[in-house]
Amino acid sequence: MEYVDGFLIAVPKKKVAQYKKIAKLASKIWREYGALDYRECLADDVPYGKRTSFPRAVKQKTGETVIFAYIVYKSRKQRDAINKKVMKDPRLAKMMTPGAMPFDTKRMIWGGFKTIVA
């Protein structure tokens, strides 16, 4: 069954274009190394909930929006092998320098998930 890495971040609205440029490169890199799918999704209908919500999860501030992203792999084993290669890719290294990301990485939420329904 497929394996998925999921991500949730808050991005300043004025930096969405900058983020999209980085995301397009990341998508290319992950797919080159074998990821089955790579998606970056901009919040459209994401209300601020009374108890829980995507904006609350990332501590969204005024002027920010939420990005939900995911990468699909054949298996966790494949994901681990792909991510190992990706992290050594020099194109990604440029993006990973301190301050290079156009969002607060401390509020990023991520995790790996086993697919149970496809």
C-alpha atoms as a PDB file:
ATOM      1  CA  MET A   1       0.000   0.000   0.000  1.00  0.00           C
ATOM      2  CA  GLU A   2       1.235   3.532  -0.738  1.00  0.00           C
ATOM      3  CA  TYR A   3       2.929   5.751   1.823  1.00  0.00           C
ATOM      4  CA  VAL A   4       2.335   9.512   2.176  1.00  0.00           C
ATOM      5  CA  ASP A   5       4.312  12.344   3.741  1.00  0.00           C
ATOM      6  CA  GLY A   6       1.988  15.200   4.725  1.00  0.00           C
ATOM      7  CA  PHE A   7       2.873  18.808   5.540  1.00  0.00           C
ATOM      8  CA  LEU A   8       0.992  21.813   6.874  1.00  0.00           C
ATOM      9  CA  ILE A   9       2.504  25.321   6.980  1.00  0.00           C
ATOM     10  CA  ALA A  10       1.513  28.972   7.314  1.00  0.00           C
ATOM     11  CA  VAL A  11       2.926  31.187   4.559  1.00  0.00           C
ATOM     12  CA  PRO A  12       2.714  34.981   4.442  1.00  0.00           C
ATOM     13  CA  LYS A  13       0.344  35.870   1.584  1.00  0.00           C
ATOM     14  CA  LYS A  14       2.929  38.265   0.162  1.00  0.00           C
ATOM     15  CA  LYS A  15       5.400  35.358  -0.091  1.00  0.00           C
ATOM     16  CA  VAL A  16       3.131  32.778  -1.776  1.00  0.00           C
ATOM     17  CA  ALA A  17       4.716  33.408  -5.206  1.00  0.00           C
ATOM     18  CA  GLN A  18       8.190  32.875  -3.717  1.00  0.00           C
ATOM     19  CA  TYR A  19       6.978  29.716  -1.978  1.00  0.00           C
ATOM     20  CA  LYS A  20       5.383  28.421  -5.206  1.00  0.00           C
ATOM     21  CA  LYS A  21       8.726  28.762  -7.001  1.00  0.00           C
ATOM     22  CA  ILE A  22      10.429  26.672  -4.300  1.00  0.00           C
ATOM     23  CA  ALA A  23       7.581  24.129  -4.316  1.00  0.00           C
ATOM     24  CA  LYS A  24       7.834  23.659  -8.106  1.00  0.00           C
ATOM     25  CA  LEU A  25      11.534  22.870  -7.789  1.00  0.00           C
ATOM     26  CA  ALA A  26      10.911  20.546  -4.841  1.00  0.00           C
ATOM     27  CA  SER A  27       8.217  18.734  -6.844  1.00  0.00           C
ATOM     28  CA  LYS A  28      10.647  18.235  -9.717  1.00  0.00           C
ATOM     29  CA  ILE A  29      13.352  16.904  -7.413  1.00  0.00           C
ATOM     30  CA  TRP A  30      11.103  14.457  -5.509  1.00  0.00           C
ATOM     31  CA  ARG A  31       9.582  13.138  -8.755  1.00  0.00           C
ATOM     32  CA  GLU A  32      13.039  12.694 -10.328  1.00  0.00           C
ATOM     33  CA  TYR A  33      13.967  10.443  -7.418  1.00  0.00           C
ATOM     34  CA  GLY A  34      10.794   8.373  -7.740  1.00  0.00           C
ATOM     35  CA  ALA A  35       7.936   9.955  -5.799  1.00  0.00           C
ATOM     36  CA  LEU A  36       4.620   8.953  -7.372  1.00  0.00           C
ATOM     37  CA  ASP A  37       2.922  12.285  -6.701  1.00  0.00           C
ATOM     38  CA  TYR A  38       3.751  15.646  -5.159  1.00  0.00           C
ATOM     39  CA  ARG A  39       1.076  18.249  -4.370  1.00  0.00           C
ATOM     40  CA  GLU A  40       1.106  21.699  -2.785  1.00  0.00           C
ATOM     41  CA  CYS A  41      -2.356  23.091  -2.015  1.00  0.00           C
ATOM     42  CA  LEU A  42      -3.285  26.689  -1.105  1.00  0.00           C
ATOM     43  CA  ALA A  43      -6.078  27.202   1.431  1.00  0.00           C
ATOM     44  CA  ASP A  44      -9.369  28.183  -0.188  1.00  0.00           C
ATOM     45  CA  ASP A  45     -12.155  27.162   2.195  1.00  0.00           C
ATOM     46  CA  VAL A  46     -10.349  26.846   5.512  1.00  0.00           C
ATOM     47  CA  PRO A  47     -12.227  28.602   8.329  1.00  0.00           C
ATOM     48  CA  TYR A  48     -10.659  29.367  11.684  1.00  0.00           C
ATOM     49  CA  GLY A  49     -12.303  26.817  13.988  1.00  0.00           C
ATOM     50  CA  LYS A  50     -13.514  27.341  17.535  1.00  0.00           C
ATOM     51  CA  ARG A  51     -11.420  24.415  18.835  1.00  0.00           C
ATOM     52  CA  THR A  52      -9.405  22.950  15.975  1.00  0.00           C
ATOM     53  CA  SER A  53      -8.667  23.877  12.381  1.00  0.00           C
ATOM     54  CA  PHE A  54      -5.836  24.083   9.881  1.00  0.00           C
ATOM     55  CA  PRO A  55      -5.195  27.768  10.763  1.00  0.00           C
ATOM     56  CA  ARG A  56      -5.092  26.945  14.482  1.00  0.00           C
ATOM     57  CA  ALA A  57      -2.753  24.001  13.899  1.00  0.00           C
ATOM     58  CA  VAL A  58      -0.085  26.242  12.333  1.00  0.00           C
ATOM     59  CA  LYS A  59      -0.840  29.263  14.536  1.00  0.00           C
ATOM     60  CA  GLN A  60      -1.787  31.271  11.442  1.00  0.00           C
ATOM     61  CA  LYS A  61      -1.198  35.000  11.848  1.00  0.00           C
ATOM     62  CA  THR A  62      -2.852  37.950  10.141  1.00  0.00           C
ATOM     63  CA  GLY A  63      -1.591  38.180   6.564  1.00  0.00           C
ATOM     64  CA  GLU A  64      -0.817  34.458   6.288  1.00  0.00           C
ATOM     65  CA  THR A  65      -2.476  31.591   4.480  1.00  0.00           C
ATOM     66  CA  VAL A  66      -2.251  27.823   4.942  1.00  0.00           C
ATOM     67  CA  ILE A  67      -0.502  25.402   2.593  1.00  0.00           C
ATOM     68  CA  PHE A  68      -1.320  21.687   2.757  1.00  0.00           C
ATOM     69  CA  ALA A  69       1.172  19.511   0.884  1.00  0.00           C
ATOM     70  CA  TYR A  70       1.757  15.826   0.398  1.00  0.00           C
ATOM     71  CA  ILE A  71       4.111  13.442  -1.366  1.00  0.00           C
ATOM     72  CA  VAL A  72       3.074   9.913  -2.368  1.00  0.00           C
ATOM     73  CA  TYR A  73       5.446   6.947  -2.509  1.00  0.00           C
ATOM     74  CA  LYS A  74       5.094   3.234  -3.278  1.00  0.00           C
ATOM     75  CA  SER A  75       6.080   2.345   0.293  1.00  0.00           C
ATOM     76  CA  ARG A  76       7.786   3.678   3.395  1.00  0.00           C
ATOM     77  CA  LYS A  77      10.957   1.895   2.341  1.00  0.00           C
ATOM     78  CA  GLN A  78      10.880   3.734  -0.981  1.00  0.00           C
ATOM     79  CA  ARG A  79      10.103   7.021   0.815  1.00  0.00           C
ATOM     80  CA  ASP A  80      13.101   6.617   3.098  1.00  0.00           C
ATOM     81  CA  ALA A  81      15.395   5.891   0.115  1.00  0.00           C
ATOM     82  CA  ILE A  82      14.033   8.810  -1.929  1.00  0.00           C
ATOM     83  CA  ASN A  83      14.266  11.281   0.952  1.00  0.00           C
ATOM     84  CA  LYS A  84      17.866  10.246   1.595  1.00  0.00           C
ATOM     85  CA  LYS A  85      18.723  11.133  -2.026  1.00  0.00           C
ATOM     86  CA  VAL A  86      16.660  14.308  -1.987  1.00  0.00           C
ATOM     87  CA  MET A  87      18.403  15.614   1.119  1.00  0.00           C
ATOM     88  CA  LYS A  88      21.769  15.247  -0.649  1.00  0.00           C
ATOM     89  CA  ASP A  89      20.579  17.039  -3.812  1.00  0.00           C
ATOM     90  CA  PRO A  90      22.472  20.350  -4.232  1.00  0.00           C
ATOM     91  CA  ARG A  91      19.374  22.073  -5.674  1.00  0.00           C
ATOM     92  CA  LEU A  92      17.538  21.456  -2.421  1.00  0.00           C
ATOM     93  CA  ALA A  93      20.519  22.486  -0.302  1.00  0.00           C
ATOM     94  CA  LYS A  94      20.123  26.068  -1.577  1.00  0.00           C
ATOM     95  CA  MET A  95      16.567  26.126  -0.258  1.00  0.00           C
ATOM     96  CA  MET A  96      17.480  24.685   3.136  1.00  0.00           C
ATOM     97  CA  THR A  97      19.894  27.401   4.245  1.00  0.00           C
ATOM     98  CA  PRO A  98      18.812  29.383   7.333  1.00  0.00           C
ATOM     99  CA  GLY A  99      16.271  32.037   6.424  1.00  0.00           C
ATOM    100  CA  ALA A 100      15.819  30.787   2.844  1.00  0.00           C
ATOM    101  CA  MET A 101      12.311  29.446   3.380  1.00  0.00           C
ATOM    102  CA  PRO A 102       9.565  32.066   3.032  1.00  0.00           C
ATOM    103  CA  PHE A 103       7.721  30.816   6.124  1.00  0.00           C
ATOM    104  CA  ASP A 104       8.331  30.058   9.799  1.00  0.00           C
ATOM    105  CA  THR A 105       9.663  26.493   9.751  1.00  0.00           C
ATOM    106  CA  LYS A 106       9.066  26.196  13.513  1.00  0.00           C
ATOM    107  CA  ARG A 107       5.307  26.137  12.861  1.00  0.00           C
ATOM    108  CA  MET A 108       5.512  23.452  10.164  1.00  0.00           C
ATOM    109  CA  ILE A 109       3.664  20.229  10.884  1.00  0.00           C
ATOM    110  CA  TRP A 110       4.634  17.019   9.092  1.00  0.00           C
ATOM    111  CA  GLY A 111       4.413  13.294   9.331  1.00  0.00           C
ATOM    112  CA  GLY A 112       4.423   9.994   7.456  1.00  0.00           C
ATOM    113  CA  PHE A 113       1.211   8.037   6.914  1.00  0.00           C
ATOM    114  CA  LYS A 114       0.313   4.525   5.844  1.00  0.00           C
ATOM    115  CA  THR A 115      -2.461   4.522   3.256  1.00  0.00           C
ATOM    116  CA  ILE A 116      -5.509   2.585   4.461  1.00  0.00           C
ATOM    117  CA  VAL A 117      -7.941   3.442   1.620  1.00  0.00           C
ATOM    118  CA  ALA A 118      -6.952   4.218  -1.948  1.00  0.00           C
END
